[in-house]
Amino acid sequence: MGICSYCGCEFPKTRATRKYCTSRCKTNACLTRKPSRIRAADVQAIYALLQDDFDSADELMGRLRSILLPGSEPVVSSAPPADAAAFIPRLD
């Protein structure tokens, strides 16, 4: 016997029903799934960040990363210099 992860009732476990007692419970569990939570202060910081202008996408990405993942290392961009010619690889 197993216990449904959505409604909590007991049901006989089979290969088709491992976590949920019916397909309805499985569907409801997917529909009511809660996204990962972000602190209210972080949400306000992101809204303030969206009002700012940035010179590059890397700068925006770095600021977002510092808000959402404060202890992480900054992302180092490996973009080629602006005066370098573009290299297009051959696909044959």
PDB file of N, CA and C in Angstrom:
ATOM      1  N   MET A   1       0.833  -1.179   0.000  1.00  0.00           N
ATOM      2  CA  MET A   1       0.000   0.000   0.000  1.00  0.00           C
ATOM      3  C   MET A   1       0.881   1.246   0.000  1.00  0.00           C
ATOM      4  N   GLY A   2       0.371   2.272  -0.628  1.00  0.00           N
ATOM      5  CA  GLY A   2       1.079   3.544  -0.651  1.00  0.00           C
ATOM      6  C   GLY A   2       0.158   4.667  -0.223  1.00  0.00           C
ATOM      7  N   ILE A   3       0.716   5.807   0.025  1.00  0.00           N
ATOM      8  CA  ILE A   3      -0.066   6.980   0.403  1.00  0.00           C
ATOM      9  C   ILE A   3       0.081   8.006  -0.702  1.00  0.00           C
ATOM     10  N   CYS A   4      -1.042   8.517  -1.170  1.00  0.00           N
ATOM     11  CA  CYS A   4      -1.058   9.482  -2.267  1.00  0.00           C
ATOM     12  C   CYS A   4      -0.338  10.758  -1.842  1.00  0.00           C
ATOM     13  N   SER A   5       0.544  11.239  -2.687  1.00  0.00           N
ATOM     14  CA  SER A   5       1.303  12.458  -2.383  1.00  0.00           C
ATOM     15  C   SER A   5       0.454  13.711  -2.489  1.00  0.00           C
ATOM     16  N   TYR A   6      -0.728  13.613  -3.132  1.00  0.00           N
ATOM     17  CA  TYR A   6      -1.577  14.790  -3.271  1.00  0.00           C
ATOM     18  C   TYR A   6      -2.688  14.823  -2.222  1.00  0.00           C
ATOM     19  N   CYS A   7      -3.503  13.741  -2.140  1.00  0.00           N
ATOM     20  CA  CYS A   7      -4.657  13.787  -1.243  1.00  0.00           C
ATOM     21  C   CYS A   7      -4.434  13.042   0.073  1.00  0.00           C
ATOM     22  N   GLY A   8      -3.423  12.181   0.152  1.00  0.00           N
ATOM     23  CA  GLY A   8      -3.094  11.509   1.403  1.00  0.00           C
ATOM     24  C   GLY A   8      -3.825  10.204   1.645  1.00  0.00           C
ATOM     25  N   CYS A   9      -4.654   9.757   0.713  1.00  0.00           N
ATOM     26  CA  CYS A   9      -5.368   8.496   0.943  1.00  0.00           C
ATOM     27  C   CYS A   9      -4.474   7.311   0.581  1.00  0.00           C
ATOM     28  N   GLU A  10      -4.803   6.146   1.155  1.00  0.00           N
ATOM     29  CA  GLU A  10      -4.034   4.933   0.863  1.00  0.00           C
ATOM     30  C   GLU A  10      -4.542   4.306  -0.425  1.00  0.00           C
ATOM     31  N   PHE A  11      -3.625   3.719  -1.178  1.00  0.00           N
ATOM     32  CA  PHE A  11      -3.987   3.065  -2.431  1.00  0.00           C
ATOM     33  C   PHE A  11      -3.004   1.942  -2.700  1.00  0.00           C
ATOM     34  N   PRO A  12      -3.408   0.922  -3.457  1.00  0.00           N
ATOM     35  CA  PRO A  12      -2.469  -0.150  -3.797  1.00  0.00           C
ATOM     36  C   PRO A  12      -1.470   0.336  -4.838  1.00  0.00           C
ATOM     37  N   LYS A  13      -0.198   0.164  -4.549  1.00  0.00           N
ATOM     38  CA  LYS A  13       0.846   0.623  -5.472  1.00  0.00           C
ATOM     39  C   LYS A  13       0.958  -0.315  -6.657  1.00  0.00           C
ATOM     40  N   THR A  14       1.036   0.270  -7.835  1.00  0.00           N
ATOM     41  CA  THR A  14       1.329  -0.470  -9.062  1.00  0.00           C
ATOM     42  C   THR A  14       2.391   0.317  -9.814  1.00  0.00           C
ATOM     43  N   ARG A  15       2.772  -0.156 -10.985  1.00  0.00           N
ATOM     44  CA  ARG A  15       3.753   0.592 -11.772  1.00  0.00           C
ATOM     45  C   ARG A  15       3.181   1.918 -12.251  1.00  0.00           C
ATOM     46  N   ALA A  16       1.882   1.929 -12.540  1.00  0.00           N
ATOM     47  CA  ALA A  16       1.250   3.149 -13.043  1.00  0.00           C
ATOM     48  C   ALA A  16       0.955   4.137 -11.919  1.00  0.00           C
ATOM     49  N   THR A  17       0.736   3.633 -10.721  1.00  0.00           N
ATOM     50  CA  THR A  17       0.402   4.518  -9.600  1.00  0.00           C
ATOM     51  C   THR A  17       1.482   4.399  -8.538  1.00  0.00           C
ATOM     52  N   ARG A  18       2.517   5.184  -8.669  1.00  0.00           N
ATOM     53  CA  ARG A  18       3.603   5.136  -7.691  1.00  0.00           C
ATOM     54  C   ARG A  18       3.460   6.203  -6.620  1.00  0.00           C
ATOM     55  N   LYS A  19       3.061   7.421  -7.026  1.00  0.00           N
ATOM     56  CA  LYS A  19       2.975   8.523  -6.070  1.00  0.00           C
ATOM     57  C   LYS A  19       1.543   8.988  -5.835  1.00  0.00           C
ATOM     58  N   TYR A  20       0.667   8.793  -6.822  1.00  0.00           N
ATOM     59  CA  TYR A  20      -0.689   9.327  -6.738  1.00  0.00           C
ATOM     60  C   TYR A  20      -1.692   8.199  -6.903  1.00  0.00           C
ATOM     61  N   CYS A  21      -2.854   8.313  -6.221  1.00  0.00           N
ATOM     62  CA  CYS A  21      -3.838   7.234  -6.259  1.00  0.00           C
ATOM     63  C   CYS A  21      -4.585   7.194  -7.584  1.00  0.00           C
ATOM     64  N   THR A  22      -4.816   8.327  -8.217  1.00  0.00           N
ATOM     65  CA  THR A  22      -5.516   8.367  -9.502  1.00  0.00           C
ATOM     66  C   THR A  22      -4.810   9.358 -10.425  1.00  0.00           C
ATOM     67  N   SER A  23      -5.190   9.308 -11.682  1.00  0.00           N
ATOM     68  CA  SER A  23      -4.612  10.267 -12.626  1.00  0.00           C
ATOM     69  C   SER A  23      -5.112  11.675 -12.324  1.00  0.00           C
ATOM     70  N   ARG A  24      -6.293  11.786 -11.716  1.00  0.00           N
ATOM     71  CA  ARG A  24      -6.805  13.109 -11.340  1.00  0.00           C
ATOM     72  C   ARG A  24      -5.916  13.752 -10.276  1.00  0.00           C
ATOM     73  N   CYS A  25      -5.489  12.970  -9.272  1.00  0.00           N
ATOM     74  CA  CYS A  25      -4.586  13.506  -8.243  1.00  0.00           C
ATOM     75  C   CYS A  25      -3.251  13.909  -8.860  1.00  0.00           C
ATOM     76  N   LYS A  26      -2.790  13.127  -9.828  1.00  0.00           N
ATOM     77  CA  LYS A  26      -1.523  13.463 -10.495  1.00  0.00           C
ATOM     78  C   LYS A  26      -1.653  14.778 -11.254  1.00  0.00           C
ATOM     79  N   THR A  27      -2.766  14.965 -11.966  1.00  0.00           N
ATOM     80  CA  THR A  27      -2.998  16.201 -12.707  1.00  0.00           C
ATOM     81  C   THR A  27      -3.137  17.382 -11.753  1.00  0.00           C
ATOM     82  N   ASN A  28      -3.894  17.207 -10.686  1.00  0.00           N
ATOM     83  CA  ASN A  28      -4.083  18.290  -9.721  1.00  0.00           C
ATOM     84  C   ASN A  28      -2.762  18.672  -9.068  1.00  0.00           C
ATOM     85  N   ALA A  29      -1.916  17.690  -8.796  1.00  0.00           N
ATOM     86  CA  ALA A  29      -0.621  17.977  -8.187  1.00  0.00           C
ATOM     87  C   ALA A  29       0.236  18.814  -9.142  1.00  0.00           C
ATOM     88  N   CYS A  30       0.161  18.550 -10.428  1.00  0.00           N
ATOM     89  CA  CYS A  30       0.917  19.341 -11.397  1.00  0.00           C
ATOM     90  C   CYS A  30       0.348  20.748 -11.511  1.00  0.00           C
ATOM     91  N   LEU A  31      -0.969  20.874 -11.445  1.00  0.00           N
ATOM     92  CA  LEU A  31      -1.592  22.187 -11.599  1.00  0.00           C
ATOM     93  C   LEU A  31      -1.394  23.076 -10.385  1.00  0.00           C
ATOM     94  N   THR A  32      -1.285  22.477  -9.204  1.00  0.00           N
ATOM     95  CA  THR A  32      -1.148  23.275  -7.987  1.00  0.00           C
ATOM     96  C   THR A  32       0.289  23.337  -7.499  1.00  0.00           C
ATOM     97  N   ARG A  33       1.229  22.956  -8.348  1.00  0.00           N
ATOM     98  CA  ARG A  33       2.633  22.993  -7.954  1.00  0.00           C
ATOM     99  C   ARG A  33       3.048  24.414  -7.650  1.00  0.00           C
ATOM    100  N   LYS A  34       3.730  24.601  -6.572  1.00  0.00           N
ATOM    101  CA  LYS A  34       4.146  25.928  -6.148  1.00  0.00           C
ATOM    102  C   LYS A  34       5.548  26.221  -6.684  1.00  0.00           C
ATOM    103  N   PRO A  35       5.741  27.376  -7.282  1.00  0.00           N
ATOM    104  CA  PRO A  35       7.082  27.719  -7.755  1.00  0.00           C
ATOM    105  C   PRO A  35       8.017  27.962  -6.576  1.00  0.00           C
ATOM    106  N   SER A  36       9.292  27.955  -6.857  1.00  0.00           N
ATOM    107  CA  SER A  36      10.244  28.246  -5.787  1.00  0.00           C
ATOM    108  C   SER A  36      10.011  29.666  -5.298  1.00  0.00           C
ATOM    109  N   ARG A  37      10.156  29.853  -4.032  1.00  0.00           N
ATOM    110  CA  ARG A  37       9.823  31.138  -3.421  1.00  0.00           C
ATOM    111  C   ARG A  37      11.001  32.101  -3.465  1.00  0.00           C
ATOM    112  N   ILE A  38      10.696  33.359  -3.725  1.00  0.00           N
ATOM    113  CA  ILE A  38      11.687  34.429  -3.704  1.00  0.00           C
ATOM    114  C   ILE A  38      11.248  35.400  -2.624  1.00  0.00           C
ATOM    115  N   ARG A  39      12.183  35.874  -1.829  1.00  0.00           N
ATOM    116  CA  ARG A  39      11.852  36.816  -0.765  1.00  0.00           C
ATOM    117  C   ARG A  39      11.256  38.094  -1.354  1.00  0.00           C
ATOM    118  N   ALA A  40      10.384  38.752  -0.582  1.00  0.00           N
ATOM    119  CA  ALA A  40       9.727  39.973  -1.043  1.00  0.00           C
ATOM    120  C   ALA A  40      10.744  41.081  -1.312  1.00  0.00           C
ATOM    121  N   ALA A  41      11.782  41.158  -0.503  1.00  0.00           N
ATOM    122  CA  ALA A  41      12.816  42.172  -0.717  1.00  0.00           C
ATOM    123  C   ALA A  41      13.544  41.931  -2.034  1.00  0.00           C
ATOM    124  N   ASP A  42      13.766  40.666  -2.380  1.00  0.00           N
ATOM    125  CA  ASP A  42      14.414  40.347  -3.657  1.00  0.00           C
ATOM    126  C   ASP A  42      13.518  40.712  -4.833  1.00  0.00           C
ATOM    127  N   VAL A  43      12.223  40.487  -4.688  1.00  0.00           N
ATOM    128  CA  VAL A  43      11.282  40.848  -5.760  1.00  0.00           C
ATOM    129  C   VAL A  43      11.288  42.358  -5.973  1.00  0.00           C
ATOM    130  N   GLN A  44      11.292  43.117  -4.891  1.00  0.00           N
ATOM    131  CA  GLN A  44      11.341  44.576  -5.019  1.00  0.00           C
ATOM    132  C   GLN A  44      12.649  45.029  -5.656  1.00  0.00           C
ATOM    133  N   ALA A  45      13.750  44.373  -5.318  1.00  0.00           N
ATOM    134  CA  ALA A  45      15.037  44.711  -5.923  1.00  0.00           C
ATOM    135  C   ALA A  45      15.042  44.400  -7.416  1.00  0.00           C
ATOM    136  N   ILE A  46      14.381  43.322  -7.807  1.00  0.00           N
ATOM    137  CA  ILE A  46      14.313  42.971  -9.230  1.00  0.00           C
ATOM    138  C   ILE A  46      13.470  43.997  -9.975  1.00  0.00           C
ATOM    139  N   TYR A  47      12.341  44.417  -9.385  1.00  0.00           N
ATOM    140  CA  TYR A  47      11.525  45.448 -10.030  1.00  0.00           C
ATOM    141  C   TYR A  47      12.305  46.752 -10.185  1.00  0.00           C
ATOM    142  N   ALA A  48      13.069  47.121  -9.173  1.00  0.00           N
ATOM    143  CA  ALA A  48      13.893  48.323  -9.275  1.00  0.00           C
ATOM    144  C   ALA A  48      14.972  48.158 -10.338  1.00  0.00           C
ATOM    145  N   LEU A  49      15.506  46.949 -10.448  1.00  0.00           N
ATOM    146  CA  LEU A  49      16.535  46.652 -11.440  1.00  0.00           C
ATOM    147  C   LEU A  49      15.989  46.765 -12.857  1.00  0.00           C
ATOM    148  N   LEU A  50      14.729  46.381 -13.046  1.00  0.00           N
ATOM    149  CA  LEU A  50      14.124  46.446 -14.374  1.00  0.00           C
ATOM    150  C   LEU A  50      13.920  47.879 -14.853  1.00  0.00           C
ATOM    151  N   GLN A  51      13.905  48.828 -13.946  1.00  0.00           N
ATOM    152  CA  GLN A  51      13.746  50.232 -14.320  1.00  0.00           C
ATOM    153  C   GLN A  51      15.064  50.862 -14.767  1.00  0.00           C
ATOM    154  N   ASP A  52      16.190  50.229 -14.438  1.00  0.00           N
ATOM    155  CA  ASP A  52      17.505  50.771 -14.772  1.00  0.00           C
ATOM    156  C   ASP A  52      17.892  50.443 -16.214  1.00  0.00           C
ATOM    157  N   ASP A  53      18.831  51.219 -16.741  1.00  0.00           N
ATOM    158  CA  ASP A  53      19.414  50.960 -18.060  1.00  0.00           C
ATOM    159  C   ASP A  53      20.786  50.340 -17.871  1.00  0.00           C
ATOM    160  N   PHE A  54      21.141  49.399 -18.742  1.00  0.00           N
ATOM    161  CA  PHE A  54      22.420  48.699 -18.657  1.00  0.00           C
ATOM    162  C   PHE A  54      23.143  48.789 -19.982  1.00  0.00           C
ATOM    163  N   ASP A  55      24.468  48.802 -19.893  1.00  0.00           N
ATOM    164  CA  ASP A  55      25.286  48.866 -21.099  1.00  0.00           C
ATOM    165  C   ASP A  55      25.365  47.522 -21.798  1.00  0.00           C
ATOM    166  N   SER A  56      25.270  46.438 -21.028  1.00  0.00           N
ATOM    167  CA  SER A  56      25.378  45.119 -21.632  1.00  0.00           C
ATOM    168  C   SER A  56      24.492  44.125 -20.895  1.00  0.00           C
ATOM    169  N   ALA A  57      24.230  43.033 -21.556  1.00  0.00           N
ATOM    170  CA  ALA A  57      23.443  41.965 -20.933  1.00  0.00           C
ATOM    171  C   ALA A  57      24.229  41.303 -19.805  1.00  0.00           C
ATOM    172  N   ASP A  58      25.550  41.293 -19.922  1.00  0.00           N
ATOM    173  CA  ASP A  58      26.378  40.693 -18.876  1.00  0.00           C
ATOM    174  C   ASP A  58      26.255  41.461 -17.560  1.00  0.00           C
ATOM    175  N   GLU A  59      26.163  42.780 -17.657  1.00  0.00           N
ATOM    176  CA  GLU A  59      26.003  43.595 -16.454  1.00  0.00           C
ATOM    177  C   GLU A  59      24.654  43.304 -15.791  1.00  0.00           C
ATOM    178  N   LEU A  60      23.597  43.207 -16.600  1.00  0.00           N
ATOM    179  CA  LEU A  60      22.276  42.879 -16.073  1.00  0.00           C
ATOM    180  C   LEU A  60      22.277  41.495 -15.440  1.00  0.00           C
ATOM    181  N   MET A  61      22.897  40.533 -16.117  1.00  0.00           N
ATOM    182  CA  MET A  61      22.951  39.169 -15.598  1.00  0.00           C
ATOM    183  C   MET A  61      23.715  39.126 -14.276  1.00  0.00           C
ATOM    184  N   GLY A  62      24.783  39.882 -14.173  1.00  0.00           N
ATOM    185  CA  GLY A  62      25.555  39.918 -12.938  1.00  0.00           C
ATOM    186  C   GLY A  62      24.766  40.511 -11.786  1.00  0.00           C
ATOM    187  N   ARG A  63      24.004  41.568 -12.059  1.00  0.00           N
ATOM    188  CA  ARG A  63      23.191  42.187 -11.004  1.00  0.00           C
ATOM    189  C   ARG A  63      22.067  41.252 -10.562  1.00  0.00           C
ATOM    190  N   LEU A  64      21.404  40.589 -11.528  1.00  0.00           N
ATOM    191  CA  LEU A  64      20.357  39.620 -11.176  1.00  0.00           C
ATOM    192  C   LEU A  64      20.920  38.481 -10.342  1.00  0.00           C
ATOM    193  N   ARG A  65      22.082  38.011 -10.744  1.00  0.00           N
ATOM    194  CA  ARG A  65      22.713  36.914 -10.014  1.00  0.00           C
ATOM    195  C   ARG A  65      23.077  37.340  -8.595  1.00  0.00           C
ATOM    196  N   SER A  66      23.510  38.589  -8.426  1.00  0.00           N
ATOM    197  CA  SER A  66      23.860  39.049  -7.085  1.00  0.00           C
ATOM    198  C   SER A  66      22.629  39.194  -6.194  1.00  0.00           C
ATOM    199  N   ILE A  67      21.465  39.444  -6.795  1.00  0.00           N
ATOM    200  CA  ILE A  67      20.230  39.535  -6.011  1.00  0.00           C
ATOM    201  C   ILE A  67      19.732  38.148  -5.634  1.00  0.00           C
ATOM    202  N   LEU A  68      19.668  37.252  -6.616  1.00  0.00           N
ATOM    203  CA  LEU A  68      19.068  35.937  -6.379  1.00  0.00           C
ATOM    204  C   LEU A  68      20.017  34.944  -5.727  1.00  0.00           C
ATOM    205  N   LEU A  69      21.301  35.032  -6.027  1.00  0.00           N
ATOM    206  CA  LEU A  69      22.300  34.122  -5.458  1.00  0.00           C
ATOM    207  C   LEU A  69      23.420  34.948  -4.845  1.00  0.00           C
ATOM    208  N   PRO A  70      23.211  35.511  -3.653  1.00  0.00           N
ATOM    209  CA  PRO A  70      24.184  36.455  -3.109  1.00  0.00           C
ATOM    210  C   PRO A  70      25.562  35.867  -2.843  1.00  0.00           C
ATOM    211  N   GLY A  71      25.687  34.599  -2.571  1.00  0.00           N
ATOM    212  CA  GLY A  71      26.990  34.025  -2.257  1.00  0.00           C
ATOM    213  C   GLY A  71      27.726  33.457  -3.447  1.00  0.00           C
ATOM    214  N   SER A  72      27.183  33.576  -4.641  1.00  0.00           N
ATOM    215  CA  SER A  72      27.802  32.945  -5.802  1.00  0.00           C
ATOM    216  C   SER A  72      28.883  33.827  -6.417  1.00  0.00           C
ATOM    217  N   GLU A  73      29.713  33.195  -7.222  1.00  0.00           N
ATOM    218  CA  GLU A  73      30.784  33.908  -7.911  1.00  0.00           C
ATOM    219  C   GLU A  73      30.211  34.666  -9.102  1.00  0.00           C
ATOM    220  N   PRO A  74      30.779  35.802  -9.465  1.00  0.00           N
ATOM    221  CA  PRO A  74      30.293  36.530 -10.640  1.00  0.00           C
ATOM    222  C   PRO A  74      30.614  35.756 -11.921  1.00  0.00           C
ATOM    223  N   VAL A  75      29.759  35.920 -12.906  1.00  0.00           N
ATOM    224  CA  VAL A  75      29.948  35.259 -14.192  1.00  0.00           C
ATOM    225  C   VAL A  75      30.928  36.066 -15.014  1.00  0.00           C
ATOM    226  N   VAL A  76      31.952  35.399 -15.533  1.00  0.00           N
ATOM    227  CA  VAL A  76      32.950  36.069 -16.357  1.00  0.00           C
ATOM    228  C   VAL A  76      32.581  35.850 -17.810  1.00  0.00           C
ATOM    229  N   SER A  77      32.402  36.923 -18.523  1.00  0.00           N
ATOM    230  CA  SER A  77      32.031  36.847 -19.925  1.00  0.00           C
ATOM    231  C   SER A  77      33.279  36.627 -20.770  1.00  0.00           C
ATOM    232  N   SER A  78      33.179  35.725 -21.726  1.00  0.00           N
ATOM    233  CA  SER A  78      34.295  35.482 -22.630  1.00  0.00           C
ATOM    234  C   SER A  78      33.953  36.005 -24.020  1.00  0.00           C
ATOM    235  N   ALA A  79      33.384  37.183 -24.090  1.00  0.00           N
ATOM    236  CA  ALA A  79      33.007  37.780 -25.367  1.00  0.00           C
ATOM    237  C   ALA A  79      34.261  38.266 -26.098  1.00  0.00           C
ATOM    238  N   PRO A  80      34.285  38.085 -27.417  1.00  0.00           N
ATOM    239  CA  PRO A  80      35.441  38.567 -28.179  1.00  0.00           C
ATOM    240  C   PRO A  80      35.463  40.088 -28.214  1.00  0.00           C
ATOM    241  N   PRO A  81      36.611  40.687 -28.448  1.00  0.00           N
ATOM    242  CA  PRO A  81      36.688  42.149 -28.550  1.00  0.00           C
ATOM    243  C   PRO A  81      35.826  42.665 -29.697  1.00  0.00           C
ATOM    244  N   ALA A  82      35.399  43.905 -29.595  1.00  0.00           N
ATOM    245  CA  ALA A  82      34.487  44.468 -30.593  1.00  0.00           C
ATOM    246  C   ALA A  82      35.145  44.592 -31.969  1.00  0.00           C
ATOM    247  N   ASP A  83      36.469  44.777 -32.019  1.00  0.00           N
ATOM    248  CA  ASP A  83      37.118  44.963 -33.311  1.00  0.00           C
ATOM    249  C   ASP A  83      37.553  43.636 -33.951  1.00  0.00           C
ATOM    250  N   ALA A  84      37.339  42.513 -33.289  1.00  0.00           N
ATOM    251  CA  ALA A  84      37.735  41.213 -33.842  1.00  0.00           C
ATOM    252  C   ALA A  84      36.736  40.790 -34.916  1.00  0.00           C
ATOM    253  N   ALA A  85      37.260  40.162 -35.956  1.00  0.00           N
ATOM    254  CA  ALA A  85      36.407  39.672 -37.033  1.00  0.00           C
ATOM    255  C   ALA A  85      35.662  38.427 -36.551  1.00  0.00           C
ATOM    256  N   ALA A  86      34.440  38.281 -36.998  1.00  0.00           N
ATOM    257  CA  ALA A  86      33.615  37.143 -36.587  1.00  0.00           C
ATOM    258  C   ALA A  86      34.127  35.879 -37.259  1.00  0.00           C
ATOM    259  N   PHE A  87      34.199  34.800 -36.509  1.00  0.00           N
ATOM    260  CA  PHE A  87      34.622  33.517 -37.054  1.00  0.00           C
ATOM    261  C   PHE A  87      33.394  32.646 -37.233  1.00  0.00           C
ATOM    262  N   ILE A  88      33.156  32.197 -38.471  1.00  0.00           N
ATOM    263  CA  ILE A  88      32.011  31.339 -38.765  1.00  0.00           C
ATOM    264  C   ILE A  88      32.560  29.977 -39.140  1.00  0.00           C
ATOM    265  N   PRO A  89      32.310  28.951 -38.333  1.00  0.00           N
ATOM    266  CA  PRO A  89      32.860  27.619 -38.630  1.00  0.00           C
ATOM    267  C   PRO A  89      32.151  26.973 -39.816  1.00  0.00           C
ATOM    268  N   ARG A  90      32.862  26.127 -40.504  1.00  0.00           N
ATOM    269  CA  ARG A  90      32.274  25.380 -41.628  1.00  0.00           C
ATOM    270  C   ARG A  90      31.574  24.166 -41.081  1.00  0.00           C
ATOM    271  N   LEU A  91      30.466  23.796 -41.645  1.00  0.00           N
ATOM    272  CA  LEU A  91      29.662  22.695 -41.141  1.00  0.00           C
ATOM    273  C   LEU A  91      29.711  21.469 -42.025  1.00  0.00           C
ATOM    274  N   ASP A  92      30.721  21.322 -42.870  1.00  0.00           N
ATOM    275  CA  ASP A  92      30.800  20.130 -43.726  1.00  0.00           C
ATOM    276  C   ASP A  92      31.872  19.193 -43.315  1.00  0.00           C
TER     277      ASP A  92
END
